[in-house]
PDB file of all heavy atoms in Angstrom:
ATOM      1  N   GLN A   1     104.833  75.689 101.237  1.00  0.00           N
ATOM      2  CA  GLN A   1     105.525  76.691 102.039  1.00  0.00           C
ATOM      3  C   GLN A   1     106.362  77.623 101.160  1.00  0.00           C
ATOM      4  O   GLN A   1     106.387  78.828 101.372  1.00  0.00           O
ATOM      5  CB  GLN A   1     106.424  76.011 103.081  1.00  0.00           C
ATOM      6  CG  GLN A   1     105.665  75.270 104.154  1.00  0.00           C
ATOM      7  CD  GLN A   1     104.743  76.186 104.929  1.00  0.00           C
ATOM      8  OE1 GLN A   1     105.095  77.308 105.256  1.00  0.00           O
ATOM      9  NE2 GLN A   1     103.555  75.711 105.221  1.00  0.00           N
ATOM     10  N   PHE A   2     107.036  77.061 100.178  1.00  0.00           N
ATOM     11  CA  PHE A   2     107.834  77.871  99.255  1.00  0.00           C
ATOM     12  C   PHE A   2     106.951  78.874  98.529  1.00  0.00           C
ATOM     13  O   PHE A   2     107.293  80.058  98.410  1.00  0.00           O
ATOM     14  CB  PHE A   2     108.538  76.960  98.244  1.00  0.00           C
ATOM     15  CG  PHE A   2     109.219  77.692  97.134  1.00  0.00           C
ATOM     16  CD1 PHE A   2     110.471  78.250  97.323  1.00  0.00           C
ATOM     17  CD2 PHE A   2     108.614  77.826  95.892  1.00  0.00           C
ATOM     18  CE1 PHE A   2     111.114  78.934  96.302  1.00  0.00           C
ATOM     19  CE2 PHE A   2     109.247  78.502  94.871  1.00  0.00           C
ATOM     20  CZ  PHE A   2     110.494  79.058  95.075  1.00  0.00           C
ATOM     21  N   THR A   3     105.808  78.417  98.046  1.00  0.00           N
ATOM     22  CA  THR A   3     104.895  79.290  97.315  1.00  0.00           C
ATOM     23  C   THR A   3     104.367  80.406  98.195  1.00  0.00           C
ATOM     24  O   THR A   3     104.314  81.567  97.772  1.00  0.00           O
ATOM     25  CB  THR A   3     103.723  78.470  96.747  1.00  0.00           C
ATOM     26  OG1 THR A   3     104.253  77.436  95.929  1.00  0.00           O
ATOM     27  CG2 THR A   3     102.789  79.328  95.942  1.00  0.00           C
ATOM     28  N   LEU A   4     103.980  80.076  99.419  1.00  0.00           N
ATOM     29  CA  LEU A   4     103.433  81.096 100.314  1.00  0.00           C
ATOM     30  C   LEU A   4     104.472  82.159 100.661  1.00  0.00           C
ATOM     31  O   LEU A   4     104.188  83.356 100.619  1.00  0.00           O
ATOM     32  CB  LEU A   4     102.890  80.447 101.587  1.00  0.00           C
ATOM     33  CG  LEU A   4     101.659  79.575 101.397  1.00  0.00           C
ATOM     34  CD1 LEU A   4     101.262  78.928 102.710  1.00  0.00           C
ATOM     35  CD2 LEU A   4     100.521  80.374 100.830  1.00  0.00           C
ATOM     36  N   VAL A   5     105.674  81.739 100.983  1.00  0.00           N
ATOM     37  CA  VAL A   5     106.725  82.693 101.347  1.00  0.00           C
ATOM     38  C   VAL A   5     107.138  83.538 100.146  1.00  0.00           C
ATOM     39  O   VAL A   5     107.242  84.767 100.231  1.00  0.00           O
ATOM     40  CB  VAL A   5     107.944  81.947 101.942  1.00  0.00           C
ATOM     41  CG1 VAL A   5     109.137  82.866 102.077  1.00  0.00           C
ATOM     42  CG2 VAL A   5     107.593  81.344 103.287  1.00  0.00           C
ATOM     43  N   THR A   6     107.344  82.897  99.016  1.00  0.00           N
ATOM     44  CA  THR A   6     107.812  83.605  97.824  1.00  0.00           C
ATOM     45  C   THR A   6     106.770  84.604  97.321  1.00  0.00           C
ATOM     46  O   THR A   6     107.115  85.756  97.026  1.00  0.00           O
ATOM     47  CB  THR A   6     108.162  82.596  96.717  1.00  0.00           C
ATOM     48  OG1 THR A   6     109.121  81.671  97.229  1.00  0.00           O
ATOM     49  CG2 THR A   6     108.725  83.289  95.511  1.00  0.00           C
ATOM     50  N   THR A   7     105.518  84.183  97.235  1.00  0.00           N
ATOM     51  CA  THR A   7     104.493  85.100  96.741  1.00  0.00           C
ATOM     52  C   THR A   7     104.277  86.276  97.686  1.00  0.00           C
ATOM     53  O   THR A   7     104.069  87.403  97.230  1.00  0.00           O
ATOM     54  CB  THR A   7     103.167  84.377  96.498  1.00  0.00           C
ATOM     55  OG1 THR A   7     102.768  83.688  97.691  1.00  0.00           O
ATOM     56  CG2 THR A   7     103.271  83.407  95.345  1.00  0.00           C
ATOM     57  N   MET A   8     104.346  86.023  98.979  1.00  0.00           N
ATOM     58  CA  MET A   8     104.190  87.115  99.939  1.00  0.00           C
ATOM     59  C   MET A   8     105.299  88.156  99.755  1.00  0.00           C
ATOM     60  O   MET A   8     105.030  89.360  99.735  1.00  0.00           O
ATOM     61  CB  MET A   8     104.218  86.571 101.369  1.00  0.00           C
ATOM     62  CG  MET A   8     104.097  87.634 102.431  1.00  0.00           C
ATOM     63  SD  MET A   8     104.324  86.990 104.079  1.00  0.00           S
ATOM     64  CE  MET A   8     105.979  86.380 104.005  1.00  0.00           C
ATOM     65  N   LEU A   9     106.523  87.708  99.590  1.00  0.00           N
ATOM     66  CA  LEU A   9     107.632  88.640  99.415  1.00  0.00           C
ATOM     67  C   LEU A   9     107.571  89.377  98.076  1.00  0.00           C
ATOM     68  O   LEU A   9     107.924  90.557  97.996  1.00  0.00           O
ATOM     69  CB  LEU A   9     108.959  87.891  99.568  1.00  0.00           C
ATOM     70  CG  LEU A   9     109.251  87.380 100.980  1.00  0.00           C
ATOM     71  CD1 LEU A   9     110.455  86.465 100.979  1.00  0.00           C
ATOM     72  CD2 LEU A   9     109.447  88.533 101.930  1.00  0.00           C
ATOM     73  N   ILE A  10     107.107  88.703  97.038  1.00  0.00           N
ATOM     74  CA  ILE A  10     106.947  89.365  95.739  1.00  0.00           C
ATOM     75  C   ILE A  10     105.878  90.441  95.827  1.00  0.00           C
ATOM     76  O   ILE A  10     106.042  91.551  95.301  1.00  0.00           O
ATOM     77  CB  ILE A  10     106.628  88.334  94.640  1.00  0.00           C
ATOM     78  CG1 ILE A  10     107.848  87.465  94.365  1.00  0.00           C
ATOM     79  CG2 ILE A  10     106.158  89.015  93.360  1.00  0.00           C
ATOM     80  CD1 ILE A  10     107.579  86.276  93.481  1.00  0.00           C
ATOM     81  N   ILE A  11     104.777  90.148  96.518  1.00  0.00           N
ATOM     82  CA  ILE A  11     103.701  91.130  96.683  1.00  0.00           C
ATOM     83  C   ILE A  11     104.200  92.343  97.454  1.00  0.00           C
ATOM     84  O   ILE A  11     103.959  93.494  97.045  1.00  0.00           O
ATOM     85  CB  ILE A  11     102.489  90.478  97.382  1.00  0.00           C
ATOM     86  CG1 ILE A  11     101.816  89.483  96.439  1.00  0.00           C
ATOM     87  CG2 ILE A  11     101.498  91.524  97.855  1.00  0.00           C
ATOM     88  CD1 ILE A  11     100.817  88.582  97.123  1.00  0.00           C
ATOM     89  N   PHE A  12     104.912  92.118  98.545  1.00  0.00           N
ATOM     90  CA  PHE A  12     105.457  93.243  99.316  1.00  0.00           C
ATOM     91  C   PHE A  12     106.438  94.063  98.481  1.00  0.00           C
ATOM     92  O   PHE A  12     106.433  95.299  98.537  1.00  0.00           O
ATOM     93  CB  PHE A  12     106.145  92.756 100.587  1.00  0.00           C
ATOM     94  CG  PHE A  12     105.205  92.264 101.641  1.00  0.00           C
ATOM     95  CD1 PHE A  12     105.635  91.366 102.589  1.00  0.00           C
ATOM     96  CD2 PHE A  12     103.891  92.692 101.718  1.00  0.00           C
ATOM     97  CE1 PHE A  12     104.786  90.897 103.572  1.00  0.00           C
ATOM     98  CE2 PHE A  12     103.031  92.247 102.690  1.00  0.00           C
ATOM     99  CZ  PHE A  12     103.480  91.342 103.623  1.00  0.00           C
ATOM    100  N   SER A  13     107.269  93.400  97.710  1.00  0.00           N
ATOM    101  CA  SER A  13     108.241  94.113  96.876  1.00  0.00           C
ATOM    102  C   SER A  13     107.541  94.976  95.834  1.00  0.00           C
ATOM    103  O   SER A  13     107.916  96.140  95.633  1.00  0.00           O
ATOM    104  CB  SER A  13     109.166  93.124  96.174  1.00  0.00           C
ATOM    105  OG  SER A  13     109.926  92.416  97.107  1.00  0.00           O
ATOM    106  N   CYS A  14     106.534  94.423  95.183  1.00  0.00           N
ATOM    107  CA  CYS A  14     105.832  95.198  94.158  1.00  0.00           C
ATOM    108  C   CYS A  14     105.086  96.376  94.770  1.00  0.00           C
ATOM    109  O   CYS A  14     105.024  97.452  94.161  1.00  0.00           O
ATOM    110  CB  CYS A  14     104.879  94.299  93.380  1.00  0.00           C
ATOM    111  SG  CYS A  14     105.722  93.182  92.255  1.00  0.00           S
ATOM    112  N   MET A  15     104.527  96.201  95.956  1.00  0.00           N
ATOM    113  CA  MET A  15     103.859  97.328  96.619  1.00  0.00           C
ATOM    114  C   MET A  15     104.879  98.418  96.972  1.00  0.00           C
ATOM    115  O   MET A  15     104.602  99.608  96.817  1.00  0.00           O
ATOM    116  CB  MET A  15     103.133  96.850  97.872  1.00  0.00           C
ATOM    117  CG  MET A  15     101.985  95.919  97.596  1.00  0.00           C
ATOM    118  SD  MET A  15     100.667  96.697  96.686  1.00  0.00           S
ATOM    119  CE  MET A  15      99.956  97.691  97.946  1.00  0.00           C
ATOM    120  N   CYS A  16     106.045  98.015  97.443  1.00  0.00           N
ATOM    121  CA  CYS A  16     107.100  98.996  97.740  1.00  0.00           C
ATOM    122  C   CYS A  16     107.588  99.679  96.472  1.00  0.00           C
ATOM    123  O   CYS A  16     107.816 100.894  96.464  1.00  0.00           O
ATOM    124  CB  CYS A  16     108.263  98.318  98.453  1.00  0.00           C
ATOM    125  SG  CYS A  16     107.900  97.818 100.129  1.00  0.00           S
ATOM    126  N   PHE A  17     107.746  98.914  95.387  1.00  0.00           N
ATOM    127  CA  PHE A  17     108.152  99.515  94.123  1.00  0.00           C
ATOM    128  C   PHE A  17     107.130 100.539  93.647  1.00  0.00           C
ATOM    129  O   PHE A  17     107.500 101.596  93.121  1.00  0.00           O
ATOM    130  CB  PHE A  17     108.343  98.442  93.044  1.00  0.00           C
ATOM    131  CG  PHE A  17     109.506  97.525  93.259  1.00  0.00           C
ATOM    132  CD1 PHE A  17     109.516  96.258  92.709  1.00  0.00           C
ATOM    133  CD2 PHE A  17     110.607  97.919  94.001  1.00  0.00           C
ATOM    134  CE1 PHE A  17     110.579  95.405  92.879  1.00  0.00           C
ATOM    135  CE2 PHE A  17     111.687  97.071  94.196  1.00  0.00           C
ATOM    136  CZ  PHE A  17     111.668  95.813  93.631  1.00  0.00           C
ATOM    137  N   ALA A  18     105.847 100.239  93.815  1.00  0.00           N
ATOM    138  CA  ALA A  18     104.802 101.184  93.395  1.00  0.00           C
ATOM    139  C   ALA A  18     104.859 102.463  94.222  1.00  0.00           C
ATOM    140  O   ALA A  18     104.712 103.565  93.681  1.00  0.00           O
ATOM    141  CB  ALA A  18     103.429 100.531  93.519  1.00  0.00           C
ATOM    142  N   ALA A  19     105.085 102.339  95.519  1.00  0.00           N
ATOM    143  CA  ALA A  19     105.178 103.528  96.369  1.00  0.00           C
ATOM    144  C   ALA A  19     106.416 104.358  96.018  1.00  0.00           C
ATOM    145  O   ALA A  19     106.345 105.590  95.929  1.00  0.00           O
ATOM    146  CB  ALA A  19     105.211 103.116  97.840  1.00  0.00           C
ATOM    147  N   ILE A  20     107.541 103.689  95.816  1.00  0.00           N
ATOM    148  CA  ILE A  20     108.766 104.386  95.442  1.00  0.00           C
ATOM    149  C   ILE A  20     108.596 105.040  94.070  1.00  0.00           C
ATOM    150  O   ILE A  20     109.040 106.171  93.842  1.00  0.00           O
ATOM    151  CB  ILE A  20     109.970 103.425  95.468  1.00  0.00           C
ATOM    152  CG1 ILE A  20     110.269 102.998  96.903  1.00  0.00           C
ATOM    153  CG2 ILE A  20     111.197 104.055  94.832  1.00  0.00           C
ATOM    154  CD1 ILE A  20     111.232 101.845  97.015  1.00  0.00           C
ATOM    155  N   ASP A  21     107.925 104.348  93.165  1.00  0.00           N
ATOM    156  CA  ASP A  21     107.675 104.886  91.835  1.00  0.00           C
ATOM    157  C   ASP A  21     106.848 106.168  91.909  1.00  0.00           C
ATOM    158  O   ASP A  21     107.150 107.151  91.215  1.00  0.00           O
ATOM    159  CB  ASP A  21     106.961 103.834  90.997  1.00  0.00           C
ATOM    160  CG  ASP A  21     106.743 104.279  89.577  1.00  0.00           C
ATOM    161  OD1 ASP A  21     107.723 104.271  88.812  1.00  0.00           O
ATOM    162  OD2 ASP A  21     105.595 104.629  89.240  1.00  0.00           O
ATOM    163  N   GLN A  22     105.838 106.175  92.739  1.00  0.00           N
ATOM    164  CA  GLN A  22     105.012 107.372  92.879  1.00  0.00           C
ATOM    165  C   GLN A  22     105.800 108.520  93.514  1.00  0.00           C
ATOM    166  O   GLN A  22     105.607 109.681  93.157  1.00  0.00           O
ATOM    167  CB  GLN A  22     103.768 107.065  93.704  1.00  0.00           C
ATOM    168  CG  GLN A  22     102.769 106.212  92.974  1.00  0.00           C
ATOM    169  CD  GLN A  22     102.268 106.886  91.713  1.00  0.00           C
ATOM    170  OE1 GLN A  22     101.702 107.970  91.770  1.00  0.00           O
ATOM    171  NE2 GLN A  22     102.503 106.254  90.580  1.00  0.00           N
ATOM    172  N   PHE A  23     106.685 108.203  94.434  1.00  0.00           N
ATOM    173  CA  PHE A  23     107.525 109.240  95.023  1.00  0.00           C
ATOM    174  C   PHE A  23     108.481 109.818  93.980  1.00  0.00           C
ATOM    175  O   PHE A  23     108.658 111.032  93.881  1.00  0.00           O
ATOM    176  CB  PHE A  23     108.312 108.698  96.215  1.00  0.00           C
ATOM    177  CG  PHE A  23     109.337 109.660  96.737  1.00  0.00           C
ATOM    178  CD1 PHE A  23     108.951 110.766  97.481  1.00  0.00           C
ATOM    179  CD2 PHE A  23     110.683 109.480  96.471  1.00  0.00           C
ATOM    180  CE1 PHE A  23     109.895 111.671  97.954  1.00  0.00           C
ATOM    181  CE2 PHE A  23     111.629 110.371  96.926  1.00  0.00           C
ATOM    182  CZ  PHE A  23     111.223 111.472  97.675  1.00  0.00           C
ATOM    183  N   LEU A  24     109.124 108.940  93.209  1.00  0.00           N
ATOM    184  CA  LEU A  24     110.078 109.402  92.200  1.00  0.00           C
ATOM    185  C   LEU A  24     109.398 110.195  91.094  1.00  0.00           C
ATOM    186  O   LEU A  24     110.014 111.054  90.467  1.00  0.00           O
ATOM    187  CB  LEU A  24     110.837 108.217  91.601  1.00  0.00           C
ATOM    188  CG  LEU A  24     111.791 107.481  92.541  1.00  0.00           C
ATOM    189  CD1 LEU A  24     112.427 106.312  91.827  1.00  0.00           C
ATOM    190  CD2 LEU A  24     112.837 108.416  93.096  1.00  0.00           C
ATOM    191  N   LEU A  25     108.129 109.913  90.866  1.00  0.00           N
ATOM    192  CA  LEU A  25     107.382 110.639  89.850  1.00  0.00           C
ATOM    193  C   LEU A  25     107.205 112.106  90.230  1.00  0.00           C
ATOM    194  O   LEU A  25     107.056 112.967  89.360  1.00  0.00           O
ATOM    195  CB  LEU A  25     106.018 109.982  89.656  1.00  0.00           C
ATOM    196  CG  LEU A  25     105.322 110.189  88.328  1.00  0.00           C
ATOM    197  CD1 LEU A  25     106.161 109.588  87.220  1.00  0.00           C
ATOM    198  CD2 LEU A  25     103.952 109.567  88.355  1.00  0.00           C
ATOM    199  N   LEU A  26     107.269 112.401  91.523  1.00  0.00           N
ATOM    200  CA  LEU A  26     107.099 113.773  91.992  1.00  0.00           C
ATOM    201  C   LEU A  26     108.366 114.613  91.858  1.00  0.00           C
ATOM    202  O   LEU A  26     108.303 115.835  91.944  1.00  0.00           O
ATOM    203  CB  LEU A  26     106.653 113.775  93.455  1.00  0.00           C
ATOM    204  CG  LEU A  26     105.281 113.170  93.732  1.00  0.00           C
ATOM    205  CD1 LEU A  26     105.042 113.103  95.219  1.00  0.00           C
ATOM    206  CD2 LEU A  26     104.202 113.966  93.036  1.00  0.00           C
ATOM    207  N   THR A  27     109.495 113.978  91.678  1.00  0.00           N
ATOM    208  CA  THR A  27     110.761 114.712  91.577  1.00  0.00           C
ATOM    209  C   THR A  27     111.188 114.797  90.121  1.00  0.00           C
ATOM    210  O   THR A  27     111.087 113.829  89.367  1.00  0.00           O
ATOM    211  CB  THR A  27     111.867 114.009  92.384  1.00  0.00           C
ATOM    212  OG1 THR A  27     112.084 112.715  91.838  1.00  0.00           O
ATOM    213  CG2 THR A  27     111.493 113.901  93.848  1.00  0.00           C
ATOM    214  N   ASN A  28     111.653 115.949  89.708  1.00  0.00           N
ATOM    215  CA  ASN A  28     112.101 116.124  88.321  1.00  0.00           C
ATOM    216  C   ASN A  28     113.396 115.379  88.044  1.00  0.00           C
ATOM    217  O   ASN A  28     113.635 114.922  86.931  1.00  0.00           O
ATOM    218  CB  ASN A  28     112.287 117.613  88.009  1.00  0.00           C
ATOM    219  CG  ASN A  28     110.960 118.327  87.902  1.00  0.00           C
ATOM    220  OD1 ASN A  28     109.961 117.717  87.530  1.00  0.00           O
ATOM    221  ND2 ASN A  28     110.950 119.602  88.237  1.00  0.00           N
ATOM    222  N   ARG A  29     114.224 115.251  89.066  1.00  0.00           N
ATOM    223  CA  ARG A  29     115.542 114.646  88.879  1.00  0.00           C
ATOM    224  C   ARG A  29     115.463 113.143  88.610  1.00  0.00           C
ATOM    225  O   ARG A  29     116.260 112.591  87.851  1.00  0.00           O
ATOM    226  CB  ARG A  29     116.379 114.927  90.120  1.00  0.00           C
ATOM    227  CG  ARG A  29     117.787 114.434  90.014  1.00  0.00           C
ATOM    228  CD  ARG A  29     118.568 114.823  91.233  1.00  0.00           C
ATOM    229  NE  ARG A  29     119.936 114.357  91.111  1.00  0.00           N
ATOM    230  CZ  ARG A  29     120.811 114.419  92.070  1.00  0.00           C
ATOM    231  NH1 ARG A  29     120.490 114.950  93.229  1.00  0.00           N
ATOM    232  NH2 ARG A  29     122.033 113.972  91.891  1.00  0.00           N
ATOM    233  N   TRP A  30     114.514 112.437  89.236  1.00  0.00           N
ATOM    234  CA  TRP A  30     114.450 110.983  89.144  1.00  0.00           C
ATOM    235  C   TRP A  30     113.260 110.485  88.327  1.00  0.00           C
ATOM    236  O   TRP A  30     112.981 109.289  88.292  1.00  0.00           O
ATOM    237  CB  TRP A  30     114.394 110.379  90.540  1.00  0.00           C
ATOM    238  CG  TRP A  30     115.568 110.756  91.378  1.00  0.00           C
ATOM    239  CD1 TRP A  30     115.598 111.670  92.373  1.00  0.00           C
ATOM    240  CD2 TRP A  30     116.887 110.242  91.264  1.00  0.00           C
ATOM    241  NE1 TRP A  30     116.852 111.762  92.899  1.00  0.00           N
ATOM    242  CE2 TRP A  30     117.680 110.887  92.234  1.00  0.00           C
ATOM    243  CE3 TRP A  30     117.485 109.296  90.433  1.00  0.00           C
ATOM    244  CZ2 TRP A  30     119.011 110.619  92.396  1.00  0.00           C
ATOM    245  CZ3 TRP A  30     118.830 109.033  90.600  1.00  0.00           C
ATOM    246  CH2 TRP A  30     119.574 109.688  91.569  1.00  0.00           C
ATOM    247  N   ARG A  31     112.536 111.376  87.676  1.00  0.00           N
ATOM    248  CA  ARG A  31     111.329 110.993  86.936  1.00  0.00           C
ATOM    249  C   ARG A  31     111.625 110.008  85.809  1.00  0.00           C
ATOM    250  O   ARG A  31     110.782 109.189  85.453  1.00  0.00           O
ATOM    251  CB  ARG A  31     110.655 112.236  86.381  1.00  0.00           C
ATOM    252  CG  ARG A  31     109.313 111.965  85.752  1.00  0.00           C
ATOM    253  CD  ARG A  31     108.610 113.221  85.434  1.00  0.00           C
ATOM    254  NE  ARG A  31     108.235 113.850  86.696  1.00  0.00           N
ATOM    255  CZ  ARG A  31     107.500 114.919  86.783  1.00  0.00           C
ATOM    256  NH1 ARG A  31     107.057 115.496  85.709  1.00  0.00           N
ATOM    257  NH2 ARG A  31     107.198 115.446  87.949  1.00  0.00           N
TER     258      ARG A  31
END
């Protein structure tokens, strides 16, 4: 149960980080 919950949350976090990273890449201020 620990593995399933932890890995799911890590996957969601990394996907969110990738989306935020792509957004920040479009702005000169936060690149």
